[in-house]
Amino acid sequence: MSIDGQTQSREADGDLVRRLLMEVLIRRLASAGISAAGIDETTALIDLGVIDSQALLDIILEVEDDCGRTFDPLRIDLESDVTLERIAMAFTIEA
């Protein structure tokens, strides 16, 4: 595979992870009777009380299962400003 092909593949994988994270979050919020209106990839999820640490772990594990990628907790500061965008960047994408 060419370098351009590898880059496109990584971008597509990143898009898949972001899409799955959003889908899982929306589904979990809906089941709890919480609206996902106004929540996007940059929303500080824990700070706003949208999810707690257990729900975050559950979301990460579900996305790992769905996409076959591994979440690397060393690639994100889970103590501050946890967003879907930052969570997505913490998923490893094999070369």
PDB file of N, CA and C in Angstrom:
ATOM      1  N   MET A   1       0.852  -1.175   0.000  1.00  0.00           N
ATOM      2  CA  MET A   1       0.000   0.000   0.000  1.00  0.00           C
ATOM      3  C   MET A   1       0.893   1.232   0.000  1.00  0.00           C
ATOM      4  N   SER A   2       0.523   2.233  -0.756  1.00  0.00           N
ATOM      5  CA  SER A   2       1.304   3.464  -0.837  1.00  0.00           C
ATOM      6  C   SER A   2       1.130   4.287   0.436  1.00  0.00           C
ATOM      7  N   ILE A   3       2.006   5.272   0.600  1.00  0.00           N
ATOM      8  CA  ILE A   3       1.905   6.149   1.765  1.00  0.00           C
ATOM      9  C   ILE A   3       0.570   6.881   1.747  1.00  0.00           C
ATOM     10  N   ASP A   4       0.144   7.360   0.561  1.00  0.00           N
ATOM     11  CA  ASP A   4      -1.149   8.036   0.468  1.00  0.00           C
ATOM     12  C   ASP A   4      -2.285   7.087   0.832  1.00  0.00           C
ATOM     13  N   GLY A   5      -2.185   5.847   0.409  1.00  0.00           N
ATOM     14  CA  GLY A   5      -3.198   4.847   0.735  1.00  0.00           C
ATOM     15  C   GLY A   5      -3.243   4.564   2.223  1.00  0.00           C
ATOM     16  N   GLN A   6      -2.083   4.518   2.861  1.00  0.00           N
ATOM     17  CA  GLN A   6      -2.032   4.292   4.308  1.00  0.00           C
ATOM     18  C   GLN A   6      -2.647   5.467   5.051  1.00  0.00           C
ATOM     19  N   THR A   7      -2.348   6.670   4.601  1.00  0.00           N
ATOM     20  CA  THR A   7      -2.902   7.867   5.236  1.00  0.00           C
ATOM     21  C   THR A   7      -4.420   7.881   5.100  1.00  0.00           C
ATOM     22  N   GLN A   8      -4.920   7.575   3.908  1.00  0.00           N
ATOM     23  CA  GLN A   8      -6.367   7.540   3.694  1.00  0.00           C
ATOM     24  C   GLN A   8      -7.009   6.466   4.550  1.00  0.00           C
ATOM     25  N   SER A   9      -6.360   5.310   4.676  1.00  0.00           N
ATOM     26  CA  SER A   9      -6.892   4.230   5.493  1.00  0.00           C
ATOM     27  C   SER A   9      -6.959   4.641   6.960  1.00  0.00           C
ATOM     28  N   ARG A  10      -5.919   5.309   7.459  1.00  0.00           N
ATOM     29  CA  ARG A  10      -5.911   5.771   8.855  1.00  0.00           C
ATOM     30  C   ARG A  10      -7.002   6.801   9.093  1.00  0.00           C
ATOM     31  N   GLU A  11      -7.175   7.714   8.131  1.00  0.00           N
ATOM     32  CA  GLU A  11      -8.227   8.722   8.261  1.00  0.00           C
ATOM     33  C   GLU A  11      -9.598   8.058   8.278  1.00  0.00           C
ATOM     34  N   ALA A  12      -9.807   7.074   7.429  1.00  0.00           N
ATOM     35  CA  ALA A  12     -11.081   6.358   7.403  1.00  0.00           C
ATOM     36  C   ALA A  12     -11.299   5.622   8.719  1.00  0.00           C
ATOM     37  N   ASP A  13     -10.249   5.010   9.273  1.00  0.00           N
ATOM     38  CA  ASP A  13     -10.358   4.332  10.562  1.00  0.00           C
ATOM     39  C   ASP A  13     -10.708   5.323  11.660  1.00  0.00           C
ATOM     40  N   GLY A  14     -10.077   6.499  11.636  1.00  0.00           N
ATOM     41  CA  GLY A  14     -10.367   7.541  12.621  1.00  0.00           C
ATOM     42  C   GLY A  14     -11.799   8.017  12.516  1.00  0.00           C
ATOM     43  N   ASP A  15     -12.292   8.163  11.297  1.00  0.00           N
ATOM     44  CA  ASP A  15     -13.684   8.557  11.081  1.00  0.00           C
ATOM     45  C   ASP A  15     -14.627   7.490  11.627  1.00  0.00           C
ATOM     46  N   LEU A  16     -14.284   6.221  11.410  1.00  0.00           N
ATOM     47  CA  LEU A  16     -15.104   5.121  11.918  1.00  0.00           C
ATOM     48  C   LEU A  16     -15.167   5.176  13.434  1.00  0.00           C
ATOM     49  N   VAL A  17     -14.031   5.355  14.080  1.00  0.00           N
ATOM     50  CA  VAL A  17     -13.997   5.417  15.546  1.00  0.00           C
ATOM     51  C   VAL A  17     -14.844   6.584  16.041  1.00  0.00           C
ATOM     52  N   ARG A  18     -14.698   7.765  15.440  1.00  0.00           N
ATOM     53  CA  ARG A  18     -15.489   8.925  15.856  1.00  0.00           C
ATOM     54  C   ARG A  18     -16.986   8.685  15.659  1.00  0.00           C
ATOM     55  N   ARG A  19     -17.351   8.085  14.530  1.00  0.00           N
ATOM     56  CA  ARG A  19     -18.767   7.802  14.271  1.00  0.00           C
ATOM     57  C   ARG A  19     -19.322   6.822  15.298  1.00  0.00           C
ATOM     58  N   LEU A  20     -18.558   5.763  15.577  1.00  0.00           N
ATOM     59  CA  LEU A  20     -19.002   4.771  16.558  1.00  0.00           C
ATOM     60  C   LEU A  20     -19.125   5.380  17.953  1.00  0.00           C
ATOM     61  N   LEU A  21     -18.159   6.209  18.335  1.00  0.00           N
ATOM     62  CA  LEU A  21     -18.230   6.863  19.644  1.00  0.00           C
ATOM     63  C   LEU A  21     -19.499   7.696  19.757  1.00  0.00           C
ATOM     64  N   MET A  22     -19.806   8.463  18.731  1.00  0.00           N
ATOM     65  CA  MET A  22     -20.998   9.308  18.763  1.00  0.00           C
ATOM     66  C   MET A  22     -22.264   8.461  18.817  1.00  0.00           C
ATOM     67  N   GLU A  23     -22.319   7.399  18.019  1.00  0.00           N
ATOM     68  CA  GLU A  23     -23.494   6.525  18.015  1.00  0.00           C
ATOM     69  C   GLU A  23     -23.718   5.890  19.380  1.00  0.00           C
ATOM     70  N   VAL A  24     -22.658   5.391  19.990  1.00  0.00           N
ATOM     71  CA  VAL A  24     -22.776   4.747  21.297  1.00  0.00           C
ATOM     72  C   VAL A  24     -23.207   5.765  22.344  1.00  0.00           C
ATOM     73  N   LEU A  25     -22.603   6.951  22.320  1.00  0.00           N
ATOM     74  CA  LEU A  25     -22.968   7.988  23.280  1.00  0.00           C
ATOM     75  C   LEU A  25     -24.436   8.383  23.132  1.00  0.00           C
ATOM     76  N   ILE A  26     -24.879   8.618  21.917  1.00  0.00           N
ATOM     77  CA  ILE A  26     -26.272   9.014  21.680  1.00  0.00           C
ATOM     78  C   ILE A  26     -27.228   7.931  22.162  1.00  0.00           C
ATOM     79  N   ARG A  27     -26.913   6.684  21.856  1.00  0.00           N
ATOM     80  CA  ARG A  27     -27.762   5.571  22.287  1.00  0.00           C
ATOM     81  C   ARG A  27     -27.826   5.484  23.815  1.00  0.00           C
ATOM     82  N   ARG A  28     -26.699   5.626  24.483  1.00  0.00           N
ATOM     83  CA  ARG A  28     -26.666   5.547  25.950  1.00  0.00           C
ATOM     84  C   ARG A  28     -27.428   6.712  26.583  1.00  0.00           C
ATOM     85  N   LEU A  29     -27.247   7.904  26.032  1.00  0.00           N
ATOM     86  CA  LEU A  29     -27.966   9.055  26.562  1.00  0.00           C
ATOM     87  C   LEU A  29     -29.468   8.879  26.376  1.00  0.00           C
ATOM     88  N   ALA A  30     -29.872   8.416  25.193  1.00  0.00           N
ATOM     89  CA  ALA A  30     -31.296   8.215  24.917  1.00  0.00           C
ATOM     90  C   ALA A  30     -31.905   7.205  25.879  1.00  0.00           C
ATOM     91  N   SER A  31     -31.169   6.131  26.173  1.00  0.00           N
ATOM     92  CA  SER A  31     -31.705   5.121  27.083  1.00  0.00           C
ATOM     93  C   SER A  31     -31.820   5.649  28.514  1.00  0.00           C
ATOM     94  N   ALA A  32     -31.065   6.705  28.828  1.00  0.00           N
ATOM     95  CA  ALA A  32     -31.148   7.332  30.146  1.00  0.00           C
ATOM     96  C   ALA A  32     -32.109   8.522  30.139  1.00  0.00           C
ATOM     97  N   GLY A  33     -32.748   8.770  28.980  1.00  0.00           N
ATOM     98  CA  GLY A  33     -33.690   9.868  28.876  1.00  0.00           C
ATOM     99  C   GLY A  33     -33.032  11.235  28.781  1.00  0.00           C
ATOM    100  N   ILE A  34     -31.785  11.263  28.332  1.00  0.00           N
ATOM    101  CA  ILE A  34     -31.039  12.511  28.212  1.00  0.00           C
ATOM    102  C   ILE A  34     -30.901  12.856  26.731  1.00  0.00           C
ATOM    103  N   SER A  35     -31.165  14.095  26.404  1.00  0.00           N
ATOM    104  CA  SER A  35     -31.045  14.542  25.018  1.00  0.00           C
ATOM    105  C   SER A  35     -29.580  14.729  24.642  1.00  0.00           C
ATOM    106  N   ALA A  36     -29.237  14.347  23.429  1.00  0.00           N
ATOM    107  CA  ALA A  36     -27.879  14.536  22.919  1.00  0.00           C
ATOM    108  C   ALA A  36     -27.768  15.833  22.125  1.00  0.00           C
ATOM    109  N   ALA A  37     -28.832  16.626  22.136  1.00  0.00           N
ATOM    110  CA  ALA A  37     -28.819  17.896  21.405  1.00  0.00           C
ATOM    111  C   ALA A  37     -27.700  18.779  21.941  1.00  0.00           C
ATOM    112  N   GLY A  38     -26.934  19.350  21.037  1.00  0.00           N
ATOM    113  CA  GLY A  38     -25.862  20.249  21.423  1.00  0.00           C
ATOM    114  C   GLY A  38     -24.556  19.564  21.780  1.00  0.00           C
ATOM    115  N   ILE A  39     -24.550  18.241  21.787  1.00  0.00           N
ATOM    116  CA  ILE A  39     -23.320  17.502  22.088  1.00  0.00           C
ATOM    117  C   ILE A  39     -22.633  17.167  20.778  1.00  0.00           C
ATOM    118  N   ASP A  40     -21.355  17.518  20.704  1.00  0.00           N
ATOM    119  CA  ASP A  40     -20.581  17.196  19.519  1.00  0.00           C
ATOM    120  C   ASP A  40     -19.224  16.640  19.951  1.00  0.00           C
ATOM    121  N   GLU A  41     -18.305  16.536  19.016  1.00  0.00           N
ATOM    122  CA  GLU A  41     -17.003  15.927  19.304  1.00  0.00           C
ATOM    123  C   GLU A  41     -16.160  16.737  20.279  1.00  0.00           C
ATOM    124  N   THR A  42     -16.510  17.998  20.491  1.00  0.00           N
ATOM    125  CA  THR A  42     -15.697  18.848  21.366  1.00  0.00           C
ATOM    126  C   THR A  42     -16.335  19.121  22.720  1.00  0.00           C
ATOM    127  N   THR A  43     -17.488  18.530  22.982  1.00  0.00           N
ATOM    128  CA  THR A  43     -18.174  18.713  24.260  1.00  0.00           C
ATOM    129  C   THR A  43     -17.396  18.020  25.375  1.00  0.00           C
ATOM    130  N   ALA A  44     -17.143  18.732  26.455  1.00  0.00           N
ATOM    131  CA  ALA A  44     -16.460  18.151  27.622  1.00  0.00           C
ATOM    132  C   ALA A  44     -17.461  17.269  28.362  1.00  0.00           C
ATOM    133  N   LEU A  45     -17.421  15.983  28.097  1.00  0.00           N
ATOM    134  CA  LEU A  45     -18.458  15.060  28.532  1.00  0.00           C
ATOM    135  C   LEU A  45     -18.565  14.906  30.041  1.00  0.00           C
ATOM    136  N   ILE A  46     -17.466  14.675  30.708  1.00  0.00           N
ATOM    137  CA  ILE A  46     -17.502  14.454  32.155  1.00  0.00           C
ATOM    138  C   ILE A  46     -17.751  15.769  32.886  1.00  0.00           C
ATOM    139  N   ASP A  47     -17.090  16.832  32.448  1.00  0.00           N
ATOM    140  CA  ASP A  47     -17.243  18.142  33.098  1.00  0.00           C
ATOM    141  C   ASP A  47     -18.688  18.625  33.083  1.00  0.00           C
ATOM    142  N   LEU A  48     -19.402  18.327  32.002  1.00  0.00           N
ATOM    143  CA  LEU A  48     -20.795  18.761  31.896  1.00  0.00           C
ATOM    144  C   LEU A  48     -21.766  17.783  32.544  1.00  0.00           C
ATOM    145  N   GLY A  49     -21.252  16.690  33.061  1.00  0.00           N
ATOM    146  CA  GLY A  49     -22.111  15.706  33.692  1.00  0.00           C
ATOM    147  C   GLY A  49     -22.880  14.847  32.701  1.00  0.00           C
ATOM    148  N   VAL A  50     -22.447  14.839  31.459  1.00  0.00           N
ATOM    149  CA  VAL A  50     -23.114  14.049  30.434  1.00  0.00           C
ATOM    150  C   VAL A  50     -22.921  12.554  30.691  1.00  0.00           C
ATOM    151  N   ILE A  51     -21.691  12.181  31.065  1.00  0.00           N
ATOM    152  CA  ILE A  51     -21.395  10.790  31.412  1.00  0.00           C
ATOM    153  C   ILE A  51     -20.450  10.785  32.607  1.00  0.00           C
ATOM    154  N   ASP A  52     -20.405   9.656  33.302  1.00  0.00           N
ATOM    155  CA  ASP A  52     -19.449   9.503  34.391  1.00  0.00           C
ATOM    156  C   ASP A  52     -18.335   8.567  33.939  1.00  0.00           C
ATOM    157  N   SER A  53     -17.390   8.302  34.822  1.00  0.00           N
ATOM    158  CA  SER A  53     -16.224   7.498  34.436  1.00  0.00           C
ATOM    159  C   SER A  53     -16.602   6.075  34.053  1.00  0.00           C
ATOM    160  N   GLN A  54     -17.602   5.481  34.708  1.00  0.00           N
ATOM    161  CA  GLN A  54     -18.020   4.125  34.353  1.00  0.00           C
ATOM    162  C   GLN A  54     -18.660   4.094  32.968  1.00  0.00           C
ATOM    163  N   ALA A  55     -19.499   5.073  32.681  1.00  0.00           N
ATOM    164  CA  ALA A  55     -20.126   5.146  31.360  1.00  0.00           C
ATOM    165  C   ALA A  55     -19.064   5.356  30.285  1.00  0.00           C
ATOM    166  N   LEU A  56     -18.049   6.163  30.593  1.00  0.00           N
ATOM    167  CA  LEU A  56     -16.960   6.383  29.645  1.00  0.00           C
ATOM    168  C   LEU A  56     -16.247   5.072  29.340  1.00  0.00           C
ATOM    169  N   LEU A  57     -15.949   4.315  30.367  1.00  0.00           N
ATOM    170  CA  LEU A  57     -15.299   3.012  30.179  1.00  0.00           C
ATOM    171  C   LEU A  57     -16.179   2.091  29.339  1.00  0.00           C
ATOM    172  N   ASP A  58     -17.460   2.056  29.630  1.00  0.00           N
ATOM    173  CA  ASP A  58     -18.382   1.213  28.862  1.00  0.00           C
ATOM    174  C   ASP A  58     -18.408   1.608  27.389  1.00  0.00           C
ATOM    175  N   ILE A  59     -18.413   2.904  27.122  1.00  0.00           N
ATOM    176  CA  ILE A  59     -18.414   3.402  25.737  1.00  0.00           C
ATOM    177  C   ILE A  59     -17.135   2.981  25.027  1.00  0.00           C
ATOM    178  N   ILE A  60     -16.006   3.161  25.692  1.00  0.00           N
ATOM    179  CA  ILE A  60     -14.716   2.791  25.101  1.00  0.00           C
ATOM    180  C   ILE A  60     -14.677   1.309  24.780  1.00  0.00           C
ATOM    181  N   LEU A  61     -15.116   0.480  25.712  1.00  0.00           N
ATOM    182  CA  LEU A  61     -15.086  -0.972  25.488  1.00  0.00           C
ATOM    183  C   LEU A  61     -16.001  -1.383  24.340  1.00  0.00           C
ATOM    184  N   GLU A  62     -17.158  -0.755  24.252  1.00  0.00           N
ATOM    185  CA  GLU A  62     -18.079  -1.085  23.162  1.00  0.00           C
ATOM    186  C   GLU A  62     -17.487  -0.703  21.807  1.00  0.00           C
ATOM    187  N   VAL A  63     -16.862   0.457  21.740  1.00  0.00           N
ATOM    188  CA  VAL A  63     -16.260   0.891  20.474  1.00  0.00           C
ATOM    189  C   VAL A  63     -15.075  -0.001  20.123  1.00  0.00           C
ATOM    190  N   GLU A  64     -14.280  -0.395  21.110  1.00  0.00           N
ATOM    191  CA  GLU A  64     -13.186  -1.343  20.843  1.00  0.00           C
ATOM    192  C   GLU A  64     -13.725  -2.616  20.201  1.00  0.00           C
ATOM    193  N   ASP A  65     -14.806  -3.147  20.754  1.00  0.00           N
ATOM    194  CA  ASP A  65     -15.412  -4.368  20.210  1.00  0.00           C
ATOM    195  C   ASP A  65     -15.932  -4.161  18.795  1.00  0.00           C
ATOM    196  N   ASP A  66     -16.545  -2.998  18.554  1.00  0.00           N
ATOM    197  CA  ASP A  66     -17.166  -2.737  17.259  1.00  0.00           C
ATOM    198  C   ASP A  66     -16.171  -2.457  16.137  1.00  0.00           C
ATOM    199  N   CYS A  67     -15.037  -1.827  16.474  1.00  0.00           N
ATOM    200  CA  CYS A  67     -14.132  -1.412  15.403  1.00  0.00           C
ATOM    201  C   CYS A  67     -12.831  -2.208  15.349  1.00  0.00           C
ATOM    202  N   GLY A  68     -12.571  -3.019  16.364  1.00  0.00           N
ATOM    203  CA  GLY A  68     -11.355  -3.825  16.350  1.00  0.00           C
ATOM    204  C   GLY A  68     -10.089  -3.040  16.654  1.00  0.00           C
ATOM    205  N   ARG A  69     -10.236  -1.826  17.140  1.00  0.00           N
ATOM    206  CA  ARG A  69      -9.094  -1.005  17.524  1.00  0.00           C
ATOM    207  C   ARG A  69      -8.946  -1.050  19.030  1.00  0.00           C
ATOM    208  N   THR A  70      -7.767  -0.683  19.508  1.00  0.00           N
ATOM    209  CA  THR A  70      -7.485  -0.702  20.936  1.00  0.00           C
ATOM    210  C   THR A  70      -7.381   0.716  21.468  1.00  0.00           C
ATOM    211  N   PHE A  71      -8.021   0.959  22.591  1.00  0.00           N
ATOM    212  CA  PHE A  71      -7.933   2.251  23.255  1.00  0.00           C
ATOM    213  C   PHE A  71      -6.666   2.271  24.093  1.00  0.00           C
ATOM    214  N   ASP A  72      -5.866   3.314  23.942  1.00  0.00           N
ATOM    215  CA  ASP A  72      -4.625   3.471  24.694  1.00  0.00           C
ATOM    216  C   ASP A  72      -4.812   4.604  25.700  1.00  0.00           C
ATOM    217  N   PRO A  73      -5.018   4.287  26.974  1.00  0.00           N
ATOM    218  CA  PRO A  73      -5.282   5.333  27.966  1.00  0.00           C
ATOM    219  C   PRO A  73      -4.109   6.278  28.187  1.00  0.00           C
ATOM    220  N   LEU A  74      -2.931   5.901  27.736  1.00  0.00           N
ATOM    221  CA  LEU A  74      -1.772   6.787  27.881  1.00  0.00           C
ATOM    222  C   LEU A  74      -1.795   7.923  26.861  1.00  0.00           C
ATOM    223  N   ARG A  75      -2.679   7.829  25.885  1.00  0.00           N
ATOM    224  CA  ARG A  75      -2.753   8.847  24.834  1.00  0.00           C
ATOM    225  C   ARG A  75      -3.784   9.939  25.137  1.00  0.00           C
ATOM    226  N   ILE A  76      -4.363   9.903  26.358  1.00  0.00           N
ATOM    227  CA  ILE A  76      -5.378  10.896  26.725  1.00  0.00           C
ATOM    228  C   ILE A  76      -5.280  11.183  28.217  1.00  0.00           C
ATOM    229  N   ASP A  77      -5.539  12.437  28.586  1.00  0.00           N
ATOM    230  CA  ASP A  77      -5.616  12.820  29.989  1.00  0.00           C
ATOM    231  C   ASP A  77      -7.074  12.659  30.412  1.00  0.00           C
ATOM    232  N   LEU A  78      -7.356  11.603  31.149  1.00  0.00           N
ATOM    233  CA  LEU A  78      -8.733  11.313  31.545  1.00  0.00           C
ATOM    234  C   LEU A  78      -9.198  12.165  32.729  1.00  0.00           C
ATOM    235  N   GLU A  79      -8.335  13.031  33.213  1.00  0.00           N
ATOM    236  CA  GLU A  79      -8.683  13.895  34.334  1.00  0.00           C
ATOM    237  C   GLU A  79      -9.261  15.237  33.890  1.00  0.00           C
ATOM    238  N   SER A  80      -9.071  15.590  32.621  1.00  0.00           N
ATOM    239  CA  SER A  80      -9.550  16.905  32.196  1.00  0.00           C
ATOM    240  C   SER A  80     -10.035  16.894  30.748  1.00  0.00           C
ATOM    241  N   ASP A  81     -11.079  17.624  30.521  1.00  0.00           N
ATOM    242  CA  ASP A  81     -11.597  17.895  29.183  1.00  0.00           C
ATOM    243  C   ASP A  81     -11.690  16.662  28.288  1.00  0.00           C
ATOM    244  N   VAL A  82     -12.429  15.670  28.740  1.00  0.00           N
ATOM    245  CA  VAL A  82     -12.627  14.449  27.959  1.00  0.00           C
ATOM    246  C   VAL A  82     -13.710  14.711  26.918  1.00  0.00           C
ATOM    247  N   THR A  83     -13.311  14.645  25.646  1.00  0.00           N
ATOM    248  CA  THR A  83     -14.239  14.854  24.535  1.00  0.00           C
ATOM    249  C   THR A  83     -14.208  13.636  23.626  1.00  0.00           C
ATOM    250  N   LEU A  84     -15.213  13.503  22.786  1.00  0.00           N
ATOM    251  CA  LEU A  84     -15.220  12.399  21.828  1.00  0.00           C
ATOM    252  C   LEU A  84     -14.018  12.490  20.900  1.00  0.00           C
ATOM    253  N   GLU A  85     -13.650  13.700  20.530  1.00  0.00           N
ATOM    254  CA  GLU A  85     -12.500  13.903  19.658  1.00  0.00           C
ATOM    255  C   GLU A  85     -11.217  13.363  20.305  1.00  0.00           C
ATOM    256  N   ARG A  86     -11.013  13.687  21.561  1.00  0.00           N
ATOM    257  CA  ARG A  86      -9.813  13.222  22.260  1.00  0.00           C
ATOM    258  C   ARG A  86      -9.851  11.722  22.524  1.00  0.00           C
ATOM    259  N   ILE A  87     -11.028  11.205  22.817  1.00  0.00           N
ATOM    260  CA  ILE A  87     -11.149   9.752  23.003  1.00  0.00           C
ATOM    261  C   ILE A  87     -10.794   9.054  21.697  1.00  0.00           C
ATOM    262  N   ALA A  88     -11.312   9.555  20.584  1.00  0.00           N
ATOM    263  CA  ALA A  88     -11.042   8.938  19.278  1.00  0.00           C
ATOM    264  C   ALA A  88      -9.553   8.928  18.970  1.00  0.00           C
ATOM    265  N   MET A  89      -8.858   9.987  19.333  1.00  0.00           N
ATOM    266  CA  MET A  89      -7.422  10.060  19.059  1.00  0.00           C
ATOM    267  C   MET A  89      -6.623   9.071  19.917  1.00  0.00           C
ATOM    268  N   ALA A  90      -7.224   8.580  20.994  1.00  0.00           N
ATOM    269  CA  ALA A  90      -6.535   7.647  21.873  1.00  0.00           C
ATOM    270  C   ALA A  90      -6.666   6.189  21.400  1.00  0.00           C
ATOM    271  N   PHE A  91      -7.461   5.971  20.359  1.00  0.00           N
ATOM    272  CA  PHE A  91      -7.541   4.623  19.793  1.00  0.00           C
ATOM    273  C   PHE A  91      -6.354   4.412  18.867  1.00  0.00           C
ATOM    274  N   THR A  92      -5.655   3.309  19.061  1.00  0.00           N
ATOM    275  CA  THR A  92      -4.500   3.038  18.231  1.00  0.00           C
ATOM    276  C   THR A  92      -4.959   2.501  16.879  1.00  0.00           C
ATOM    277  N   ILE A  93      -4.262   2.919  15.868  1.00  0.00           N
ATOM    278  CA  ILE A  93      -4.545   2.471  14.511  1.00  0.00           C
ATOM    279  C   ILE A  93      -3.268   1.850  13.996  1.00  0.00           C
ATOM    280  N   GLU A  94      -3.314   0.574  13.743  1.00  0.00           N
ATOM    281  CA  GLU A  94      -2.133  -0.146  13.311  1.00  0.00           C
ATOM    282  C   GLU A  94      -1.662   0.370  11.960  1.00  0.00           C
ATOM    283  N   ALA A  95      -0.337   0.365  11.769  1.00  0.00           N
ATOM    284  CA  ALA A  95       0.236   0.802  10.499  1.00  0.00           C
ATOM    285  C   ALA A  95       0.095  -0.266   9.450  1.00  0.00           C
TER     286      ALA A  95
END
